[in-house]
Amino acid sequence: MATLQEEVQKHINKLVRPLKEEEELKEVLKVKLTKKEFKLLNAWADQSDLEALKAKLNLDEERYSALETKLVKKLNQERIKQAMCL
């Protein structure tokens, strides 16, 4: 099972400084991401069943893909990267 830190690092193109500790990182992400984006990122980190998550969040394949793209773009925004890093 991956940690949230590892999952975030997988999706960031260029990370200059180390990420904050797990709990602090969660608090930052709760503020910076929508609830659906945060749940998706946690599901990736926990390697949860994505089909169950899609059903729970009422997402079809197209909406899931759009949410995934938006989440990765947000994680790569400079202001969000600065908030996530030490």
Protein backbone atom coordinates (compact mmCIF):
# COMPACT_ATOMS: atom_id res chain seq x y z
CA MET A 1 0.00 0.00 0.00
CA ALA A 2 1.42 3.36 -1.04
CA THR A 3 1.35 6.44 1.12
CA LEU A 4 -0.27 9.69 0.12
CA GLN A 5 3.21 11.22 -0.19
CA GLU A 6 4.31 8.53 -2.65
CA GLU A 7 1.13 8.93 -4.68
CA VAL A 8 1.53 12.71 -4.91
CA GLN A 9 5.17 12.34 -5.97
CA LYS A 10 4.13 10.00 -8.80
CA HIS A 11 1.94 12.69 -10.33
CA ILE A 12 4.16 15.75 -9.93
CA ASN A 13 6.44 16.54 -12.85
CA LYS A 14 9.15 18.41 -10.96
CA LEU A 15 9.46 18.55 -7.19
CA VAL A 16 12.25 20.78 -5.87
CA ARG A 17 11.74 20.31 -2.12
CA PRO A 18 10.55 17.33 -0.07
CA LEU A 19 6.87 16.95 0.70
CA LYS A 20 5.42 17.61 4.15
CA GLU A 21 4.73 14.73 6.51
CA GLU A 22 1.66 12.59 5.79
CA GLU A 23 -0.82 14.24 8.20
CA GLU A 24 0.28 17.77 7.34
CA LEU A 25 0.08 16.93 3.64
CA LYS A 26 -3.49 15.63 4.08
CA GLU A 27 -4.52 18.90 5.73
CA VAL A 28 -3.07 20.96 2.86
CA LEU A 29 -4.71 18.77 0.22
CA LYS A 30 -8.11 18.91 1.95
CA VAL A 31 -8.01 22.68 1.53
CA LYS A 32 -6.56 22.79 -1.99
CA LEU A 33 -8.57 19.99 -3.63
CA THR A 34 -12.27 19.35 -4.05
CA LYS A 35 -13.77 16.50 -2.00
CA LYS A 36 -13.95 14.26 -5.06
CA GLU A 37 -10.34 15.00 -6.05
CA PHE A 38 -9.17 14.30 -2.50
CA LYS A 39 -11.11 11.02 -2.36
CA LEU A 40 -9.66 9.98 -5.71
CA LEU A 41 -6.10 10.74 -4.63
CA ASN A 42 -6.62 8.78 -1.40
CA ALA A 43 -8.07 5.87 -3.37
CA TRP A 44 -4.99 5.84 -5.59
CA ALA A 45 -2.72 5.91 -2.52
CA ASP A 46 -4.67 3.11 -0.81
CA GLN A 47 -4.89 1.19 -4.10
CA SER A 48 -8.64 0.96 -3.50
CA ASP A 49 -11.14 -0.48 -5.95
CA LEU A 50 -11.64 2.33 -8.46
CA GLU A 51 -14.88 0.86 -9.78
CA ALA A 52 -16.41 1.07 -6.31
CA LEU A 53 -15.15 4.65 -5.95
CA LYS A 54 -16.62 5.60 -9.34
CA ALA A 55 -19.97 4.19 -8.26
CA LYS A 56 -19.81 5.94 -4.88
CA LEU A 57 -18.94 9.29 -6.47
CA ASN A 58 -21.41 8.75 -9.32
CA LEU A 59 -18.75 9.01 -12.03
CA ASP A 60 -18.95 7.51 -15.49
CA GLU A 61 -15.73 6.82 -17.41
CA GLU A 62 -15.67 10.26 -19.06
CA ARG A 63 -16.23 12.18 -15.81
CA TYR A 64 -13.65 10.01 -14.03
CA SER A 65 -11.10 10.77 -16.74
CA ALA A 66 -11.82 14.50 -16.52
CA LEU A 67 -11.50 14.42 -12.71
CA GLU A 68 -8.23 12.51 -12.95
CA THR A 69 -6.80 15.02 -15.45
CA LYS A 70 -7.91 18.00 -13.36
CA LEU A 71 -6.39 16.48 -10.21
CA VAL A 72 -2.99 15.88 -11.81
CA LYS A 73 -2.97 19.41 -13.25
CA LYS A 74 -3.77 20.85 -9.82
CA LEU A 75 -0.98 18.85 -8.18
CA ASN A 76 1.45 20.40 -10.67
CA GLN A 77 0.41 24.02 -10.05
CA GLU A 78 3.25 25.96 -8.41
CA ARG A 79 1.17 27.44 -5.61
CA ILE A 80 -0.15 24.02 -4.62
CA LYS A 81 3.30 22.44 -4.85
CA GLN A 82 4.65 25.18 -2.56
CA ALA A 83 1.90 24.48 -0.02
CA MET A 84 2.66 20.74 -0.08
CA CYS A 85 6.41 21.11 0.38
CA LEU A 86 8.50 21.85 3.46
